[in-house]
Amino acid sequence: MTTEVKQDAQPDHVEARAKRALPRGLITLVIAALATVCFIAIALRVVGGHTDAFDRRLSLAVHSIDTDLLDVVMIVFTAIGTGPCLYASIAVVSILALRRKLWPLAVLLLGNALLALLTNTLLKLWFVRQRPTLFDEIARPTTYSFPSGHAMSAMAVFGGIAAVLIGLYPRARWPIVAAASIVIAGVGLSRVYLGVHWPSDVIAGWAASVPFVVATVHVAHRLLARR
């Protein structure tokens, strides 16, 4: 009898730990609001040309540490931020969710990625900022520069993946956060290092995707609570 009670109680304990591991409530909403304000502020300064000196100075500073090894590292990070790697990552985490019979989490991740992509496309067409031409490390994309699609997608997709993984494996919360942070930062930095984005493009891309991450955290929490 005692053994049966413990076994029945264990799933509830795991779910409770998962819910505690996912940040929620007013703090995350404030973070999303601040990120939105940050994006708007950067966008206004970009439109007014007030970031030009900053962007040029920081881009050249990053380029000054150029080495063959860093070239390879940054190209790898940029590759991680492209569509095939993003959707492959979503597929792997979706399989983990499906094994737990949490298929709505898989739909959440895919929907989050597609919405971020659509938002970035619309923002690029709105601001029509040209890409930097200070130096060439890789072929320069033909799309507009602001905000960075790689930075925005990395924040939305890997931030969302981190939220789902924390819900599935709450004990690994901090390693998951650390890994996601390194990937997001690396993808953004690689775009400046390779000369295809201005620093303000990358910062704005991160800020624009924070609300997507916050929304993913809240929806994932609700799904786990209902389960």
Protein backbone atom coordinates (compact mmCIF):
# COMPACT_ATOMS: atom_id res chain seq x y z
CA MET A 1 0.00 0.00 0.00
CA THR A 2 2.79 2.44 0.93
CA THR A 3 4.69 1.71 -2.26
CA GLU A 4 1.61 2.37 -4.40
CA VAL A 5 0.97 5.72 -2.74
CA LYS A 6 4.57 6.85 -3.34
CA GLN A 7 4.43 5.81 -6.98
CA ASP A 8 1.18 7.70 -7.55
CA ALA A 9 2.53 10.81 -5.86
CA GLN A 10 5.76 10.92 -7.83
CA PRO A 11 4.34 12.35 -11.10
CA ASP A 12 2.68 15.19 -9.14
CA HIS A 13 5.98 15.95 -7.46
CA VAL A 14 7.80 16.02 -10.80
CA GLU A 15 5.19 18.30 -12.36
CA ALA A 16 5.33 20.64 -9.38
CA ARG A 17 9.12 20.84 -9.68
CA ALA A 18 8.78 21.54 -13.41
CA LYS A 19 6.35 24.38 -12.79
CA ARG A 20 8.65 25.94 -10.21
CA ALA A 21 11.58 25.70 -12.64
CA LEU A 22 9.79 27.79 -15.27
CA PRO A 23 9.87 31.53 -14.40
CA ARG A 24 6.41 33.08 -14.60
CA GLY A 25 4.19 35.90 -13.48
CA LEU A 26 4.73 39.61 -13.27
CA ILE A 27 8.53 39.46 -13.55
CA THR A 28 8.49 37.85 -17.00
CA LEU A 29 5.81 40.26 -18.21
CA VAL A 30 7.94 43.19 -17.05
CA ILE A 31 10.94 41.72 -18.87
CA ALA A 32 8.89 41.42 -22.07
CA ALA A 33 7.69 45.01 -21.74
CA LEU A 34 11.21 46.33 -21.12
CA ALA A 35 12.54 44.40 -24.12
CA THR A 36 9.83 45.88 -26.32
CA VAL A 37 10.66 49.39 -25.12
CA CYS A 38 14.34 48.67 -25.77
CA PHE A 39 13.59 47.58 -29.35
CA ILE A 40 11.51 50.69 -30.02
CA ALA A 41 14.23 52.93 -28.61
CA ILE A 42 16.92 51.31 -30.77
CA ALA A 43 14.67 51.45 -33.84
CA LEU A 44 14.05 55.18 -33.36
CA ARG A 45 17.76 55.85 -33.01
CA VAL A 46 18.55 53.76 -36.09
CA VAL A 47 15.98 55.63 -38.15
CA GLY A 48 17.46 58.93 -36.97
CA GLY A 49 21.01 57.81 -37.80
CA HIS A 50 22.10 58.15 -34.17
CA THR A 51 23.64 54.65 -33.99
CA ASP A 52 25.94 55.02 -37.01
CA ALA A 53 29.07 56.04 -35.09
CA PHE A 54 28.49 53.40 -32.40
CA ASP A 55 27.85 50.67 -34.97
CA ARG A 56 30.92 51.51 -37.01
CA ARG A 57 33.23 51.76 -34.00
CA LEU A 58 32.06 48.49 -32.44
CA SER A 59 32.08 46.62 -35.75
CA LEU A 60 35.68 47.60 -36.42
CA ALA A 61 36.63 46.70 -32.84
CA VAL A 62 35.17 43.21 -33.27
CA HIS A 63 36.90 42.85 -36.64
CA SER A 64 40.25 43.74 -35.03
CA ILE A 65 40.32 40.35 -33.22
CA ASP A 66 39.96 38.49 -36.54
CA THR A 67 41.82 35.15 -36.64
CA ASP A 68 41.50 32.01 -38.73
CA LEU A 69 40.24 30.04 -35.73
CA LEU A 70 37.61 32.65 -34.89
CA ASP A 71 36.54 32.66 -38.52
CA VAL A 72 35.66 28.97 -38.22
CA VAL A 73 33.94 29.39 -34.84
CA MET A 74 31.82 32.31 -36.01
CA ILE A 75 30.85 30.59 -39.24
CA VAL A 76 29.69 27.60 -37.16
CA PHE A 77 27.62 29.86 -34.90
CA THR A 78 26.07 31.54 -37.93
CA ALA A 79 25.23 28.11 -39.36
CA ILE A 80 23.50 27.21 -36.07
CA GLY A 81 21.30 30.27 -36.52
CA THR A 82 20.14 29.28 -40.02
CA GLY A 83 16.87 27.56 -40.89
CA PRO A 84 18.04 23.93 -41.20
CA CYS A 85 19.74 23.91 -37.79
CA LEU A 86 16.89 25.81 -36.12
CA TYR A 87 14.22 23.43 -37.38
CA ALA A 88 16.36 20.37 -36.70
CA SER A 89 16.70 21.56 -33.08
CA ILE A 90 12.94 22.07 -32.88
CA ALA A 91 12.38 18.56 -34.27
CA VAL A 92 14.66 16.94 -31.67
CA VAL A 93 13.00 18.69 -28.74
CA SER A 94 9.55 18.00 -30.24
CA ILE A 95 10.35 14.28 -30.24
CA LEU A 96 11.23 14.50 -26.55
CA ALA A 97 7.92 16.24 -25.88
CA LEU A 98 5.96 13.71 -27.95
CA ARG A 99 7.50 10.86 -25.96
CA ARG A 100 5.90 12.46 -22.89
CA LYS A 101 2.61 12.79 -24.79
CA LEU A 102 2.99 16.58 -24.71
CA TRP A 103 2.38 17.23 -28.42
CA PRO A 104 1.11 20.81 -27.77
CA LEU A 105 4.69 21.73 -26.76
CA ALA A 106 5.93 20.63 -30.20
CA VAL A 107 3.25 22.77 -31.86
CA LEU A 108 4.22 25.65 -29.59
CA LEU A 109 7.88 25.52 -30.64
CA LEU A 110 7.11 25.39 -34.36
CA GLY A 111 4.51 28.16 -34.11
CA ASN A 112 6.92 30.31 -32.13
CA ALA A 113 9.63 29.92 -34.79
CA LEU A 114 7.30 30.70 -37.70
CA LEU A 115 5.83 33.75 -35.97
CA ALA A 116 9.31 35.10 -35.21
CA LEU A 117 10.32 34.58 -38.86
CA LEU A 118 7.22 36.39 -40.11
CA THR A 119 7.72 39.26 -37.67
CA ASN A 120 11.36 39.67 -38.69
CA THR A 121 10.46 39.72 -42.38
CA LEU A 122 7.86 42.44 -41.82
CA LEU A 123 10.24 44.51 -39.69
CA LYS A 124 12.99 44.31 -42.33
CA LEU A 125 10.57 45.52 -44.99
CA TRP A 126 9.46 48.34 -42.70
CA PHE A 127 12.92 49.68 -41.84
CA VAL A 128 14.75 48.78 -45.09
CA ARG A 129 18.18 49.33 -43.54
CA GLN A 130 21.17 48.47 -45.69
CA ARG A 131 23.78 45.99 -44.48
CA PRO A 132 27.30 47.10 -43.51
CA THR A 133 30.07 47.10 -46.11
CA LEU A 134 33.06 47.67 -43.82
CA PHE A 135 34.64 44.28 -44.50
CA ASP A 136 33.79 40.89 -46.00
CA GLU A 137 34.17 37.54 -44.26
CA ILE A 138 31.31 35.72 -46.00
CA ALA A 139 28.93 36.51 -48.85
CA ARG A 140 26.66 39.39 -47.89
CA PRO A 141 22.94 38.46 -47.86
CA THR A 142 20.66 40.39 -50.18
CA THR A 143 17.96 41.00 -47.56
CA TYR A 144 17.73 44.10 -45.37
CA SER A 145 19.70 44.45 -42.16
CA PHE A 146 17.41 45.62 -39.34
CA PRO A 147 16.70 43.73 -37.17
CA SER A 148 19.02 40.74 -37.46
CA GLY A 149 17.07 37.66 -38.48
CA HIS A 150 19.72 35.33 -37.05
CA ALA A 151 19.70 37.09 -33.67
CA MET A 152 15.93 37.23 -33.56
CA SER A 153 15.46 33.59 -34.56
CA ALA A 154 18.15 32.38 -32.16
CA MET A 155 16.52 34.17 -29.23
CA ALA A 156 13.00 33.02 -30.12
CA VAL A 157 13.84 29.42 -31.06
CA PHE A 158 16.58 28.53 -28.57
CA GLY A 159 14.92 30.55 -25.83
CA GLY A 160 11.69 28.66 -26.51
CA ILE A 161 13.54 25.34 -26.63
CA ALA A 162 15.16 26.14 -23.29
CA ALA A 163 11.73 26.88 -21.77
CA VAL A 164 10.35 23.54 -22.97
CA LEU A 165 13.42 21.57 -21.90
CA ILE A 166 13.30 23.12 -18.43
CA GLY A 167 9.70 21.97 -18.17
CA LEU A 168 10.67 18.45 -19.25
CA TYR A 169 13.92 18.27 -17.23
CA PRO A 170 13.61 20.74 -14.32
CA ARG A 171 16.69 19.39 -12.55
CA ALA A 172 18.85 20.54 -15.50
CA ARG A 173 17.52 24.09 -15.43
CA TRP A 174 20.83 25.96 -15.12
CA PRO A 175 22.81 23.92 -17.65
CA ILE A 176 19.97 24.42 -20.13
CA VAL A 177 19.91 28.18 -19.50
CA ALA A 178 23.71 28.37 -19.85
CA ALA A 179 23.77 26.40 -23.11
CA ALA A 180 20.95 28.46 -24.64
CA SER A 181 22.62 31.72 -23.59
CA ILE A 182 25.94 30.73 -25.19
CA VAL A 183 24.25 29.77 -28.46
CA ILE A 184 22.11 32.93 -28.60
CA ALA A 185 25.08 35.18 -27.82
CA GLY A 186 27.35 33.32 -30.24
CA VAL A 187 24.90 33.56 -33.13
CA GLY A 188 24.42 37.29 -32.61
CA LEU A 189 28.11 38.04 -32.23
CA SER A 190 28.94 36.01 -35.33
CA ARG A 191 26.80 38.29 -37.48
CA VAL A 192 28.80 41.35 -36.43
CA TYR A 193 32.14 39.51 -36.65
CA LEU A 194 31.37 38.33 -40.19
CA GLY A 195 30.42 41.85 -41.25
CA VAL A 196 26.83 41.14 -42.32
CA HIS A 197 25.06 43.05 -39.54
CA TRP A 198 25.51 46.18 -37.48
CA PRO A 199 25.65 45.70 -33.68
CA SER A 200 22.37 47.59 -33.28
CA ASP A 201 20.74 45.09 -35.68
CA VAL A 202 21.72 42.23 -33.40
CA ILE A 203 20.74 43.92 -30.13
CA ALA A 204 17.38 44.91 -31.60
CA GLY A 205 16.85 41.35 -32.87
CA TRP A 206 17.41 39.94 -29.40
CA ALA A 207 15.09 42.50 -27.82
CA ALA A 208 12.35 41.91 -30.39
CA SER A 209 12.27 38.18 -29.62
CA VAL A 210 12.18 38.36 -25.82
CA PRO A 211 8.34 38.59 -25.83
CA PHE A 212 8.26 35.37 -27.89
CA VAL A 213 10.33 33.61 -25.22
CA VAL A 214 8.13 34.99 -22.42
CA ALA A 215 4.99 33.83 -24.23
CA THR A 216 6.51 30.37 -24.71
CA VAL A 217 7.34 30.17 -20.99
CA HIS A 218 3.76 31.05 -20.01
CA VAL A 219 2.12 28.67 -22.48
CA ALA A 220 4.49 25.83 -21.55
CA HIS A 221 3.70 26.40 -17.89
CA ARG A 222 -0.04 26.23 -18.55
CA LEU A 223 0.32 23.05 -20.57
CA LEU A 224 2.34 21.38 -17.84
CA ALA A 225 -0.16 22.54 -15.19
CA ARG A 226 -3.09 21.09 -17.12
CA ARG A 227 -1.26 17.80 -17.58
